Amino acid sequence: MGIFDGKKDRKITLTLCFLAVGLITLVLLSMTVGRYPMGLKDLLCYIFFGEYTDENIPVLVGQVRLPRILGTTLVGGTLGVSGAAYQGLFRNPMVSPDILGVSAGAGFGAAAAIVCSAGVAGVQASAFAMGLGAVGLSICVSRVMGRHDRVLMLVLSGMVVASLFSALLSLMKFVADSESKLPDITFWLMGSLAAVTMEELQIVAPLVLIGIVPLCLASWRLNVLSFGEEEAQTLGVHTGRLRILIVVCASLLTASVVSITGLIGWIGLIIPHIARFMVGPDHRVLLPAAFLTGGSFMLVVDDLARSVTSLEIPLGILTAMVGAPVFLVILKVRNHKAW
């Protein structure tokens, strides 16, 4: 039996189509949001017919808002997929993409690069490398700790490594110049897409694709793994290799987007819950739904960041302010239901 068979699967297909249409609609509406006013009609005329009455529209659309909106969609969708993969791997609804220390490592890498006066590219490369390095260290520590209950050892190792890199981050903030470097570190840690460019997206997008494709191809194995370690092995799944594949791909996704945005929390935690509520726990449809839902959620948050006040609010602050009450609502709705 295929993925899309029966009444339930037709409903899931319609849900995915609805999410896709909703994301496209939000992309168009987000193009009109900002300090410089632009009507939806003017935007559609420019996109489909190349016609515009305001000479600023080509620059505004192509160079200012399009890179940011594409980046916002990519970041939200990527963190949603990463969170869904991690929650399926660890069979725990409280797991988020930074459980193995990728965010703490990226934060330390960015702070160290800022202290060393590296440029934007240096900060991004350092954040990406240290994010993956933290995950690699967590895997190595878990293997050294022993073979008994590897999932638990991996989680505990991630907690230790994240604590270590958080301490190193605090050290970087302590030694940083309080007049110039420390504000830059603080702003980076709050997360923002204000300065994202198409060149950066062209570098990050292939990395995201490299991470997402294997997760989608292994999604049915992730379903089997959710039944438990022994059951998955009985059904012929090599759980050790699958676990490493998921950790590497999900960490690659998180490190890729965090390197250009800074730390943005809650997305990888709440988006999988929302997507699971709409399409169910089957990872073959949960991962695409998490991408579409995460992209839409981030677009809404970014629109609020750009329009609520005259000074743009960092995304990390808004995702926490919006994500915390949303998560409480999710807990209330699913209070008496099995995850």
C-alpha atoms as a PDB file:
ATOM      1  CA  MET A   1       0.000   0.000   0.000  1.00  0.00           C
ATOM      2  CA  GLY A   2       1.397   3.421  -0.950  1.00  0.00           C
ATOM      3  CA  ILE A   3       1.614   6.584   1.021  1.00  0.00           C
ATOM      4  CA  PHE A   4      -1.482   8.145  -0.451  1.00  0.00           C
ATOM      5  CA  ASP A   5      -4.192   5.489  -0.297  1.00  0.00           C
ATOM      6  CA  GLY A   6      -7.633   5.776   1.201  1.00  0.00           C
ATOM      7  CA  LYS A   7      -9.671   8.567   2.689  1.00  0.00           C
ATOM      8  CA  LYS A   8      -7.138   9.426   5.374  1.00  0.00           C
ATOM      9  CA  ASP A   9      -4.305   9.755   2.898  1.00  0.00           C
ATOM     10  CA  ARG A  10      -6.384  11.970   0.604  1.00  0.00           C
ATOM     11  CA  LYS A  11      -6.932  14.209   3.600  1.00  0.00           C
ATOM     12  CA  ILE A  12      -3.190  14.313   4.208  1.00  0.00           C
ATOM     13  CA  THR A  13      -2.597  15.183   0.543  1.00  0.00           C
ATOM     14  CA  LEU A  14      -5.085  18.042   0.752  1.00  0.00           C
ATOM     15  CA  THR A  15      -3.419  19.236   3.954  1.00  0.00           C
ATOM     16  CA  LEU A  16      -0.015  19.312   2.281  1.00  0.00           C
ATOM     17  CA  CYS A  17      -1.481  21.206  -0.680  1.00  0.00           C
ATOM     18  CA  PHE A  18      -3.111  23.660   1.702  1.00  0.00           C
ATOM     19  CA  LEU A  19       0.199  24.207   3.503  1.00  0.00           C
ATOM     20  CA  ALA A  20       2.001  24.754   0.200  1.00  0.00           C
ATOM     21  CA  VAL A  21      -0.583  27.278  -1.017  1.00  0.00           C
ATOM     22  CA  GLY A  22      -0.496  28.985   2.372  1.00  0.00           C
ATOM     23  CA  LEU A  23       3.293  29.296   2.214  1.00  0.00           C
ATOM     24  CA  ILE A  24       3.198  30.789  -1.292  1.00  0.00           C
ATOM     25  CA  THR A  25       0.504  33.245  -0.195  1.00  0.00           C
ATOM     26  CA  LEU A  26       2.556  34.297   2.831  1.00  0.00           C
ATOM     27  CA  VAL A  27       5.613  34.796   0.622  1.00  0.00           C
ATOM     28  CA  LEU A  28       3.669  37.190  -1.613  1.00  0.00           C
ATOM     29  CA  LEU A  29       2.115  39.047   1.318  1.00  0.00           C
ATOM     30  CA  SER A  30       5.476  39.302   3.075  1.00  0.00           C
ATOM     31  CA  MET A  31       6.920  41.009   0.000  1.00  0.00           C
ATOM     32  CA  THR A  32       4.556  43.913   0.635  1.00  0.00           C
ATOM     33  CA  VAL A  33       5.432  44.255   4.349  1.00  0.00           C
ATOM     34  CA  GLY A  34       8.082  46.753   5.396  1.00  0.00           C
ATOM     35  CA  ARG A  35       8.865  50.376   5.978  1.00  0.00           C
ATOM     36  CA  TYR A  36       8.577  51.198   2.278  1.00  0.00           C
ATOM     37  CA  PRO A  37       4.938  50.709   1.242  1.00  0.00           C
ATOM     38  CA  MET A  38       4.114  48.461  -1.712  1.00  0.00           C
ATOM     39  CA  GLY A  39       0.680  47.183  -2.670  1.00  0.00           C
ATOM     40  CA  LEU A  40      -0.036  43.589  -3.584  1.00  0.00           C
ATOM     41  CA  LYS A  41      -1.358  44.699  -6.983  1.00  0.00           C
ATOM     42  CA  ASP A  42       1.901  46.533  -7.762  1.00  0.00           C
ATOM     43  CA  LEU A  43       3.876  43.457  -6.718  1.00  0.00           C
ATOM     44  CA  LEU A  44       1.841  41.081  -8.902  1.00  0.00           C
ATOM     45  CA  CYS A  45       2.076  43.413 -11.890  1.00  0.00           C
ATOM     46  CA  TYR A  46       5.848  43.552 -11.493  1.00  0.00           C
ATOM     47  CA  ILE A  47       6.232  39.764 -11.041  1.00  0.00           C
ATOM     48  CA  PHE A  48       3.953  38.583 -13.849  1.00  0.00           C
ATOM     49  CA  PHE A  49       4.068  41.449 -16.369  1.00  0.00           C
ATOM     50  CA  GLY A  50       7.262  43.341 -15.531  1.00  0.00           C
ATOM     51  CA  GLU A  51       5.257  46.530 -15.137  1.00  0.00           C
ATOM     52  CA  TYR A  52       5.745  49.042 -12.313  1.00  0.00           C
ATOM     53  CA  THR A  53       4.999  52.687 -11.670  1.00  0.00           C
ATOM     54  CA  ASP A  54       7.501  53.116  -8.829  1.00  0.00           C
ATOM     55  CA  GLU A  55      11.129  52.974  -9.957  1.00  0.00           C
ATOM     56  CA  ASN A  56      12.178  51.639  -6.542  1.00  0.00           C
ATOM     57  CA  ILE A  57      10.171  48.426  -6.856  1.00  0.00           C
ATOM     58  CA  PRO A  58      12.809  46.385  -8.797  1.00  0.00           C
ATOM     59  CA  VAL A  59      15.500  47.149  -6.215  1.00  0.00           C
ATOM     60  CA  LEU A  60      13.098  46.726  -3.305  1.00  0.00           C
ATOM     61  CA  VAL A  61      11.875  43.340  -4.511  1.00  0.00           C
ATOM     62  CA  GLY A  62      15.018  41.854  -6.015  1.00  0.00           C
ATOM     63  CA  GLN A  63      17.736  43.066  -3.677  1.00  0.00           C
ATOM     64  CA  VAL A  64      16.049  43.827  -0.352  1.00  0.00           C
ATOM     65  CA  ARG A  65      12.969  41.726   0.321  1.00  0.00           C
ATOM     66  CA  LEU A  66      13.392  38.656  -1.882  1.00  0.00           C
ATOM     67  CA  PRO A  67      16.665  37.445  -0.280  1.00  0.00           C
ATOM     68  CA  ARG A  68      15.256  37.975   3.198  1.00  0.00           C
ATOM     69  CA  ILE A  69      11.967  36.216   2.507  1.00  0.00           C
ATOM     70  CA  LEU A  70      13.647  33.274   0.794  1.00  0.00           C
ATOM     71  CA  GLY A  71      16.085  33.078   3.691  1.00  0.00           C
ATOM     72  CA  THR A  72      13.271  33.219   6.234  1.00  0.00           C
ATOM     73  CA  THR A  73      11.394  30.419   4.500  1.00  0.00           C
ATOM     74  CA  LEU A  74      14.533  28.300   4.194  1.00  0.00           C
ATOM     75  CA  VAL A  75      15.495  28.790   7.844  1.00  0.00           C
ATOM     76  CA  GLY A  76      12.039  28.035   9.230  1.00  0.00           C
ATOM     77  CA  GLY A  77      11.526  24.993   7.038  1.00  0.00           C
ATOM     78  CA  THR A  78      14.994  23.618   7.718  1.00  0.00           C
ATOM     79  CA  LEU A  79      14.699  23.930  11.492  1.00  0.00           C
ATOM     80  CA  GLY A  80      11.255  22.309  11.320  1.00  0.00           C
ATOM     81  CA  VAL A  81      12.596  19.299   9.416  1.00  0.00           C
ATOM     82  CA  SER A  82      15.603  19.008  11.715  1.00  0.00           C
ATOM     83  CA  GLY A  83      13.403  19.091  14.816  1.00  0.00           C
ATOM     84  CA  ALA A  84      11.025  16.472  13.406  1.00  0.00           C
ATOM     85  CA  ALA A  85      13.932  14.157  12.582  1.00  0.00           C
ATOM     86  CA  TYR A  86      15.463  14.512  16.047  1.00  0.00           C
ATOM     87  CA  GLN A  87      12.140  13.943  17.813  1.00  0.00           C
ATOM     88  CA  GLY A  88      11.563  10.816  15.764  1.00  0.00           C
ATOM     89  CA  LEU A  89      15.078   9.547  16.405  1.00  0.00           C
ATOM     90  CA  PHE A  90      14.975  10.025  20.176  1.00  0.00           C
ATOM     91  CA  ARG A  91      11.230   9.258  20.433  1.00  0.00           C
ATOM     92  CA  ASN A  92      10.851  12.312  22.659  1.00  0.00           C
ATOM     93  CA  PRO A  93       8.546  15.286  21.986  1.00  0.00           C
ATOM     94  CA  MET A  94      10.768  17.603  24.054  1.00  0.00           C
ATOM     95  CA  VAL A  95      13.796  17.213  21.779  1.00  0.00           C
ATOM     96  CA  SER A  96      14.964  20.182  19.686  1.00  0.00           C
ATOM     97  CA  PRO A  97      17.746  20.511  17.061  1.00  0.00           C
ATOM     98  CA  ASP A  98      20.244  21.875  19.596  1.00  0.00           C
ATOM     99  CA  ILE A  99      20.119  18.788  21.840  1.00  0.00           C
ATOM    100  CA  LEU A 100      23.614  17.672  20.754  1.00  0.00           C
ATOM    101  CA  GLY A 101      25.202  21.082  21.186  1.00  0.00           C
ATOM    102  CA  VAL A 102      25.071  22.393  17.623  1.00  0.00           C
ATOM    103  CA  SER A 103      23.685  25.791  18.658  1.00  0.00           C
ATOM    104  CA  ALA A 104      26.123  26.183  21.547  1.00  0.00           C
ATOM    105  CA  GLY A 105      29.006  25.224  19.274  1.00  0.00           C
ATOM    106  CA  ALA A 106      27.868  27.629  16.567  1.00  0.00           C
ATOM    107  CA  GLY A 107      27.521  30.411  19.121  1.00  0.00           C
ATOM    108  CA  PHE A 108      31.051  29.846  20.386  1.00  0.00           C
ATOM    109  CA  GLY A 109      32.416  29.693  16.841  1.00  0.00           C
ATOM    110  CA  ALA A 110      30.754  32.957  15.870  1.00  0.00           C
ATOM    111  CA  ALA A 111      31.868  34.685  19.073  1.00  0.00           C
ATOM    112  CA  ALA A 112      35.463  33.512  18.636  1.00  0.00           C
ATOM    113  CA  ALA A 113      35.487  34.796  15.042  1.00  0.00           C
ATOM    114  CA  ILE A 114      34.078  38.160  16.124  1.00  0.00           C
ATOM    115  CA  VAL A 115      36.688  38.483  18.874  1.00  0.00           C
ATOM    116  CA  CYS A 116      39.398  37.704  16.293  1.00  0.00           C
ATOM    117  CA  SER A 117      37.968  40.428  14.007  1.00  0.00           C
ATOM    118  CA  ALA A 118      37.022  38.005  11.242  1.00  0.00           C
ATOM    119  CA  GLY A 119      34.691  39.270   8.546  1.00  0.00           C
ATOM    120  CA  VAL A 120      31.128  38.183   7.933  1.00  0.00           C
ATOM    121  CA  ALA A 121      32.240  35.164   5.930  1.00  0.00           C
ATOM    122  CA  GLY A 122      34.669  34.199   8.689  1.00  0.00           C
ATOM    123  CA  VAL A 123      31.982  34.409  11.354  1.00  0.00           C
ATOM    124  CA  GLN A 124      29.618  32.252   9.306  1.00  0.00           C
ATOM    125  CA  ALA A 125      32.280  29.661   8.477  1.00  0.00           C
ATOM    126  CA  SER A 126      33.404  29.479  12.107  1.00  0.00           C
ATOM    127  CA  ALA A 127      29.835  29.110  13.369  1.00  0.00           C
ATOM    128  CA  PHE A 128      29.128  26.342  10.845  1.00  0.00           C
ATOM    129  CA  ALA A 129      32.342  24.454  11.592  1.00  0.00           C
ATOM    130  CA  MET A 130      32.052  24.674  15.372  1.00  0.00           C
ATOM    131  CA  GLY A 131      28.379  23.694  15.248  1.00  0.00           C
ATOM    132  CA  LEU A 132      29.212  20.481  13.423  1.00  0.00           C
ATOM    133  CA  GLY A 133      32.303  20.057  15.609  1.00  0.00           C
ATOM    134  CA  ALA A 134      30.161  20.118  18.753  1.00  0.00           C
ATOM    135  CA  VAL A 135      27.902  17.388  17.350  1.00  0.00           C
ATOM    136  CA  GLY A 136      30.916  15.313  16.340  1.00  0.00           C
ATOM    137  CA  LEU A 137      32.335  15.671  19.845  1.00  0.00           C
ATOM    138  CA  SER A 138      28.987  14.565  21.322  1.00  0.00           C
ATOM    139  CA  ILE A 139      29.030  11.432  19.157  1.00  0.00           C
ATOM    140  CA  CYS A 140      32.620  10.624  20.121  1.00  0.00           C
ATOM    141  CA  VAL A 141      31.942  11.127  23.830  1.00  0.00           C
ATOM    142  CA  SER A 142      28.834   8.902  23.678  1.00  0.00           C
ATOM    143  CA  ARG A 143      30.862   6.101  22.063  1.00  0.00           C
ATOM    144  CA  VAL A 144      33.582   6.386  24.689  1.00  0.00           C
ATOM    145  CA  MET A 145      30.995   6.229  27.478  1.00  0.00           C
ATOM    146  CA  GLY A 146      29.948   2.732  26.421  1.00  0.00           C
ATOM    147  CA  ARG A 147      27.545   0.710  24.307  1.00  0.00           C
ATOM    148  CA  HIS A 148      24.721   0.398  26.839  1.00  0.00           C
ATOM    149  CA  ASP A 149      21.669   2.484  25.854  1.00  0.00           C
ATOM    150  CA  ARG A 150      23.397   4.497  23.144  1.00  0.00           C
ATOM    151  CA  VAL A 151      20.494   6.897  22.719  1.00  0.00           C
ATOM    152  CA  LEU A 152      20.646   7.912  26.370  1.00  0.00           C
ATOM    153  CA  MET A 153      24.444   8.223  26.221  1.00  0.00           C
ATOM    154  CA  LEU A 154      24.128  10.402  23.130  1.00  0.00           C
ATOM    155  CA  VAL A 155      21.659  12.731  24.848  1.00  0.00           C
ATOM    156  CA  LEU A 156      23.770  12.994  28.000  1.00  0.00           C
ATOM    157  CA  SER A 157      26.907  13.605  25.935  1.00  0.00           C
ATOM    158  CA  GLY A 158      25.097  16.342  24.041  1.00  0.00           C
ATOM    159  CA  MET A 159      24.157  18.018  27.310  1.00  0.00           C
ATOM    160  CA  VAL A 160      27.768  17.919  28.515  1.00  0.00           C
ATOM    161  CA  VAL A 161      29.166  19.249  25.234  1.00  0.00           C
ATOM    162  CA  ALA A 162      26.521  21.987  25.042  1.00  0.00           C
ATOM    163  CA  SER A 163      27.417  23.058  28.580  1.00  0.00           C
ATOM    164  CA  LEU A 164      31.108  23.114  27.668  1.00  0.00           C
ATOM    165  CA  PHE A 165      30.591  25.290  24.592  1.00  0.00           C
ATOM    166  CA  SER A 166      28.230  27.571  26.518  1.00  0.00           C
ATOM    167  CA  ALA A 167      31.041  28.131  29.019  1.00  0.00           C
ATOM    168  CA  LEU A 168      33.473  28.842  26.179  1.00  0.00           C
ATOM    169  CA  LEU A 169      30.961  31.287  24.728  1.00  0.00           C
ATOM    170  CA  SER A 170      30.771  33.077  28.079  1.00  0.00           C
ATOM    171  CA  LEU A 171      34.567  33.223  28.088  1.00  0.00           C
ATOM    172  CA  MET A 172      34.558  34.863  24.647  1.00  0.00           C
ATOM    173  CA  LYS A 173      32.047  37.430  25.857  1.00  0.00           C
ATOM    174  CA  PHE A 174      34.211  38.085  28.914  1.00  0.00           C
ATOM    175  CA  VAL A 175      37.369  38.797  26.899  1.00  0.00           C
ATOM    176  CA  ALA A 176      35.593  40.673  24.087  1.00  0.00           C
ATOM    177  CA  ASP A 177      35.909  44.447  23.774  1.00  0.00           C
ATOM    178  CA  SER A 178      32.837  45.827  25.551  1.00  0.00           C
ATOM    179  CA  GLU A 179      32.634  48.791  23.176  1.00  0.00           C
ATOM    180  CA  SER A 180      32.612  46.998  19.835  1.00  0.00           C
ATOM    181  CA  LYS A 181      32.960  43.201  19.913  1.00  0.00           C
ATOM    182  CA  LEU A 182      30.580  42.387  22.785  1.00  0.00           C
ATOM    183  CA  PRO A 183      27.553  44.148  21.205  1.00  0.00           C
ATOM    184  CA  ASP A 184      28.230  42.283  17.947  1.00  0.00           C
ATOM    185  CA  ILE A 185      28.302  38.944  19.772  1.00  0.00           C
ATOM    186  CA  THR A 186      25.120  39.757  21.673  1.00  0.00           C
ATOM    187  CA  PHE A 187      23.285  40.802  18.498  1.00  0.00           C
ATOM    188  CA  TRP A 188      24.415  37.670  16.638  1.00  0.00           C
ATOM    189  CA  LEU A 189      23.172  35.450  19.450  1.00  0.00           C
ATOM    190  CA  MET A 190      19.694  37.036  19.253  1.00  0.00           C
ATOM    191  CA  GLY A 191      19.298  35.983  15.615  1.00  0.00           C
ATOM    192  CA  SER A 192      18.462  38.094  12.584  1.00  0.00           C
ATOM    193  CA  LEU A 193      17.943  37.878   8.836  1.00  0.00           C
ATOM    194  CA  ALA A 194      18.308  41.600   8.204  1.00  0.00           C
ATOM    195  CA  ALA A 195      21.623  41.268   6.371  1.00  0.00           C
ATOM    196  CA  VAL A 196      21.116  37.985   4.491  1.00  0.00           C
ATOM    197  CA  THR A 197      22.111  38.059   0.804  1.00  0.00           C
ATOM    198  CA  MET A 198      21.420  35.902  -2.229  1.00  0.00           C
ATOM    199  CA  GLU A 199      25.091  34.910  -2.292  1.00  0.00           C
ATOM    200  CA  GLU A 200      24.813  33.467   1.219  1.00  0.00           C
ATOM    201  CA  LEU A 201      21.628  31.621   0.287  1.00  0.00           C
ATOM    202  CA  GLN A 202      23.353  30.128  -2.749  1.00  0.00           C
ATOM    203  CA  ILE A 203      25.948  28.635  -0.416  1.00  0.00           C
ATOM    204  CA  VAL A 204      23.525  27.442   2.258  1.00  0.00           C
ATOM    205  CA  ALA A 205      20.803  26.038  -0.034  1.00  0.00           C
ATOM    206  CA  PRO A 206      22.936  23.138  -1.403  1.00  0.00           C
ATOM    207  CA  LEU A 207      23.954  22.209   2.169  1.00  0.00           C
ATOM    208  CA  VAL A 208      20.290  22.159   3.166  1.00  0.00           C
ATOM    209  CA  LEU A 209      19.484  19.994   0.154  1.00  0.00           C
ATOM    210  CA  ILE A 210      22.288  17.575   1.079  1.00  0.00           C
ATOM    211  CA  GLY A 211      20.778  17.253   4.541  1.00  0.00           C
ATOM    212  CA  ILE A 212      17.096  17.013   3.622  1.00  0.00           C
ATOM    213  CA  VAL A 213      17.273  14.487   0.773  1.00  0.00           C
ATOM    214  CA  PRO A 214      18.767  11.607   2.838  1.00  0.00           C
ATOM    215  CA  LEU A 215      16.285  12.288   5.649  1.00  0.00           C
ATOM    216  CA  CYS A 216      13.372  12.046   3.221  1.00  0.00           C
ATOM    217  CA  LEU A 217      14.770   8.868   1.657  1.00  0.00           C
ATOM    218  CA  ALA A 218      15.216   7.315   5.113  1.00  0.00           C
ATOM    219  CA  SER A 219      11.867   8.526   6.436  1.00  0.00           C
ATOM    220  CA  TRP A 220      10.254   5.066   6.370  1.00  0.00           C
ATOM    221  CA  ARG A 221      13.181   3.699   8.383  1.00  0.00           C
ATOM    222  CA  LEU A 222      12.630   6.502  10.859  1.00  0.00           C
ATOM    223  CA  ASN A 223       9.046   5.264  11.177  1.00  0.00           C
ATOM    224  CA  VAL A 224      10.316   1.782  11.999  1.00  0.00           C
ATOM    225  CA  LEU A 225      12.833   3.182  14.495  1.00  0.00           C
ATOM    226  CA  SER A 226      10.023   4.903  16.370  1.00  0.00           C
ATOM    227  CA  PHE A 227       8.736   1.455  17.396  1.00  0.00           C
ATOM    228  CA  GLY A 228      11.921   0.870  19.375  1.00  0.00           C
ATOM    229  CA  GLU A 229      15.493  -0.314  18.904  1.00  0.00           C
ATOM    230  CA  GLU A 230      14.837  -4.054  19.086  1.00  0.00           C
ATOM    231  CA  GLU A 231      11.740  -3.942  16.871  1.00  0.00           C
ATOM    232  CA  ALA A 232      13.616  -1.958  14.218  1.00  0.00           C
ATOM    233  CA  GLN A 233      16.507  -4.427  14.210  1.00  0.00           C
ATOM    234  CA  THR A 234      14.050  -7.306  13.912  1.00  0.00           C
ATOM    235  CA  LEU A 235      12.601  -5.654  10.790  1.00  0.00           C
ATOM    236  CA  GLY A 236      16.062  -5.415   9.235  1.00  0.00           C
ATOM    237  CA  VAL A 237      16.978  -1.807   9.982  1.00  0.00           C
ATOM    238  CA  HIS A 238      20.604  -1.136  10.902  1.00  0.00           C
ATOM    239  CA  THR A 239      19.830   1.186  13.778  1.00  0.00           C
ATOM    240  CA  GLY A 240      23.415   2.302  14.392  1.00  0.00           C
ATOM    241  CA  ARG A 241      23.962   3.514  10.831  1.00  0.00           C
ATOM    242  CA  LEU A 242      20.505   5.057  10.691  1.00  0.00           C
ATOM    243  CA  ARG A 243      21.097   6.933  13.931  1.00  0.00           C
ATOM    244  CA  ILE A 244      24.368   8.400  12.658  1.00  0.00           C
ATOM    245  CA  LEU A 245      22.759   9.331   9.324  1.00  0.00           C
ATOM    246  CA  ILE A 246      19.921  11.203  11.008  1.00  0.00           C
ATOM    247  CA  VAL A 247      22.201  12.970  13.480  1.00  0.00           C
ATOM    248  CA  VAL A 248      24.640  14.055  10.753  1.00  0.00           C
ATOM    249  CA  CYS A 249      21.946  15.263   8.346  1.00  0.00           C
ATOM    250  CA  ALA A 250      19.853  17.044  10.981  1.00  0.00           C
ATOM    251  CA  SER A 251      22.953  18.680  12.469  1.00  0.00           C
ATOM    252  CA  LEU A 252      24.101  19.762   9.007  1.00  0.00           C
ATOM    253  CA  LEU A 253      20.713  21.411   8.460  1.00  0.00           C
ATOM    254  CA  THR A 254      20.811  23.248  11.773  1.00  0.00           C
ATOM    255  CA  ALA A 255      24.426  24.365  11.487  1.00  0.00           C
ATOM    256  CA  SER A 256      23.875  25.601   7.918  1.00  0.00           C
ATOM    257  CA  VAL A 257      21.036  27.969   8.729  1.00  0.00           C
ATOM    258  CA  VAL A 258      22.298  29.029  12.172  1.00  0.00           C
ATOM    259  CA  SER A 259      25.575  30.139  10.579  1.00  0.00           C
ATOM    260  CA  ILE A 260      23.782  32.882   8.618  1.00  0.00           C
ATOM    261  CA  THR A 261      21.030  33.812  11.075  1.00  0.00           C
ATOM    262  CA  GLY A 262      22.427  33.409  14.575  1.00  0.00           C
ATOM    263  CA  LEU A 263      20.592  31.492  17.271  1.00  0.00           C
ATOM    264  CA  ILE A 264      16.843  31.119  16.678  1.00  0.00           C
ATOM    265  CA  GLY A 265      15.113  28.896  19.197  1.00  0.00           C
ATOM    266  CA  TRP A 266      11.724  27.181  19.552  1.00  0.00           C
ATOM    267  CA  ILE A 267      11.170  26.577  15.819  1.00  0.00           C
ATOM    268  CA  GLY A 268      12.649  23.093  15.878  1.00  0.00           C
ATOM    269  CA  LEU A 269      10.646  22.257  19.008  1.00  0.00           C
ATOM    270  CA  ILE A 270       7.111  23.462  18.264  1.00  0.00           C
ATOM    271  CA  ILE A 271       6.885  23.139  14.469  1.00  0.00           C
ATOM    272  CA  PRO A 272       7.113  19.301  14.444  1.00  0.00           C
ATOM    273  CA  HIS A 273       4.266  19.195  16.976  1.00  0.00           C
ATOM    274  CA  ILE A 274       2.079  21.429  14.811  1.00  0.00           C
ATOM    275  CA  ALA A 275       2.885  19.431  11.675  1.00  0.00           C
ATOM    276  CA  ARG A 276       2.298  16.127  13.480  1.00  0.00           C
ATOM    277  CA  PHE A 277      -1.075  17.378  14.660  1.00  0.00           C
ATOM    278  CA  MET A 278      -2.072  18.091  11.034  1.00  0.00           C
ATOM    279  CA  VAL A 279      -0.676  15.077   9.135  1.00  0.00           C
ATOM    280  CA  GLY A 280       0.123  12.473  11.781  1.00  0.00           C
ATOM    281  CA  PRO A 281       3.383  10.785  12.828  1.00  0.00           C
ATOM    282  CA  ASP A 282       4.325   9.217   9.467  1.00  0.00           C
ATOM    283  CA  HIS A 283       7.696  10.810   8.695  1.00  0.00           C
ATOM    284  CA  ARG A 284       7.171  10.361   4.959  1.00  0.00           C
ATOM    285  CA  VAL A 285       4.629  13.188   5.113  1.00  0.00           C
ATOM    286  CA  LEU A 286       5.669  14.732   8.442  1.00  0.00           C
ATOM    287  CA  LEU A 287       8.999  16.010   7.104  1.00  0.00           C
ATOM    288  CA  PRO A 288       7.468  17.910   4.124  1.00  0.00           C
ATOM    289  CA  ALA A 289       4.706  19.225   6.384  1.00  0.00           C
ATOM    290  CA  ALA A 290       7.290  20.403   8.929  1.00  0.00           C
ATOM    291  CA  PHE A 291       9.181  22.266   6.197  1.00  0.00           C
ATOM    292  CA  LEU A 292       6.059  24.026   4.914  1.00  0.00           C
ATOM    293  CA  THR A 293       4.787  24.809   8.419  1.00  0.00           C
ATOM    294  CA  GLY A 294       8.179  26.032   9.614  1.00  0.00           C
ATOM    295  CA  GLY A 295       8.587  28.303   6.607  1.00  0.00           C
ATOM    296  CA  SER A 296       5.126  29.805   7.108  1.00  0.00           C
ATOM    297  CA  PHE A 297       5.657  30.291  10.845  1.00  0.00           C
ATOM    298  CA  MET A 298       8.984  32.044  10.310  1.00  0.00           C
ATOM    299  CA  LEU A 299       7.481  34.322   7.669  1.00  0.00           C
ATOM    300  CA  VAL A 300       4.807  35.462  10.111  1.00  0.00           C
ATOM    301  CA  VAL A 301       7.399  36.048  12.839  1.00  0.00           C
ATOM    302  CA  ASP A 302       9.682  37.932  10.447  1.00  0.00           C
ATOM    303  CA  ASP A 303       6.800  40.115   9.268  1.00  0.00           C
ATOM    304  CA  LEU A 304       6.109  41.004  12.898  1.00  0.00           C
ATOM    305  CA  ALA A 305       9.796  41.756  13.452  1.00  0.00           C
ATOM    306  CA  ARG A 306       9.816  44.173  10.527  1.00  0.00           C
ATOM    307  CA  SER A 307       6.514  45.926  11.182  1.00  0.00           C
ATOM    308  CA  VAL A 308       5.672  45.997  14.895  1.00  0.00           C
ATOM    309  CA  THR A 309       8.139  48.749  15.807  1.00  0.00           C
ATOM    310  CA  SER A 310      10.355  51.205  13.964  1.00  0.00           C
ATOM    311  CA  LEU A 311      13.384  49.292  15.249  1.00  0.00           C
ATOM    312  CA  GLU A 312      13.538  45.727  13.979  1.00  0.00           C
ATOM    313  CA  ILE A 313      13.131  43.125  16.735  1.00  0.00           C
ATOM    314  CA  PRO A 314      15.670  40.257  16.616  1.00  0.00           C
ATOM    315  CA  LEU A 315      14.040  37.021  15.479  1.00  0.00           C
ATOM    316  CA  GLY A 316      15.315  34.992  18.420  1.00  0.00           C
ATOM    317  CA  ILE A 317      13.377  37.207  20.806  1.00  0.00           C
ATOM    318  CA  LEU A 318      10.133  36.982  18.839  1.00  0.00           C
ATOM    319  CA  THR A 319      10.330  33.217  18.285  1.00  0.00           C
ATOM    320  CA  ALA A 320      10.637  32.770  22.051  1.00  0.00           C
ATOM    321  CA  MET A 321       7.802  35.211  22.808  1.00  0.00           C
ATOM    322  CA  VAL A 322       5.514  33.560  20.244  1.00  0.00           C
ATOM    323  CA  GLY A 323       6.793  30.004  20.613  1.00  0.00           C
ATOM    324  CA  ALA A 324       6.363  29.664  24.382  1.00  0.00           C
ATOM    325  CA  PRO A 325       2.583  30.331  24.469  1.00  0.00           C
ATOM    326  CA  VAL A 326       2.078  28.296  21.278  1.00  0.00           C
ATOM    327  CA  PHE A 327       3.834  25.356  22.907  1.00  0.00           C
ATOM    328  CA  LEU A 328       1.610  25.682  25.983  1.00  0.00           C
ATOM    329  CA  VAL A 329      -1.445  25.541  23.722  1.00  0.00           C
ATOM    330  CA  ILE A 330      -0.055  22.423  22.029  1.00  0.00           C
ATOM    331  CA  LEU A 331       0.487  20.773  25.405  1.00  0.00           C
ATOM    332  CA  LYS A 332      -3.077  21.637  26.412  1.00  0.00           C
ATOM    333  CA  VAL A 333      -4.598  20.271  23.214  1.00  0.00           C
ATOM    334  CA  ARG A 334      -2.605  17.029  23.331  1.00  0.00           C
ATOM    335  CA  ASN A 335      -2.775  16.656  27.115  1.00  0.00           C
ATOM    336  CA  HIS A 336      -4.606  13.328  27.116  1.00  0.00           C
ATOM    337  CA  LYS A 337      -3.442  12.041  23.741  1.00  0.00           C
ATOM    338  CA  ALA A 338      -0.494   9.774  22.999  1.00  0.00           C
ATOM    339  CA  TRP A 339       2.374  11.495  21.229  1.00  0.00           C
END
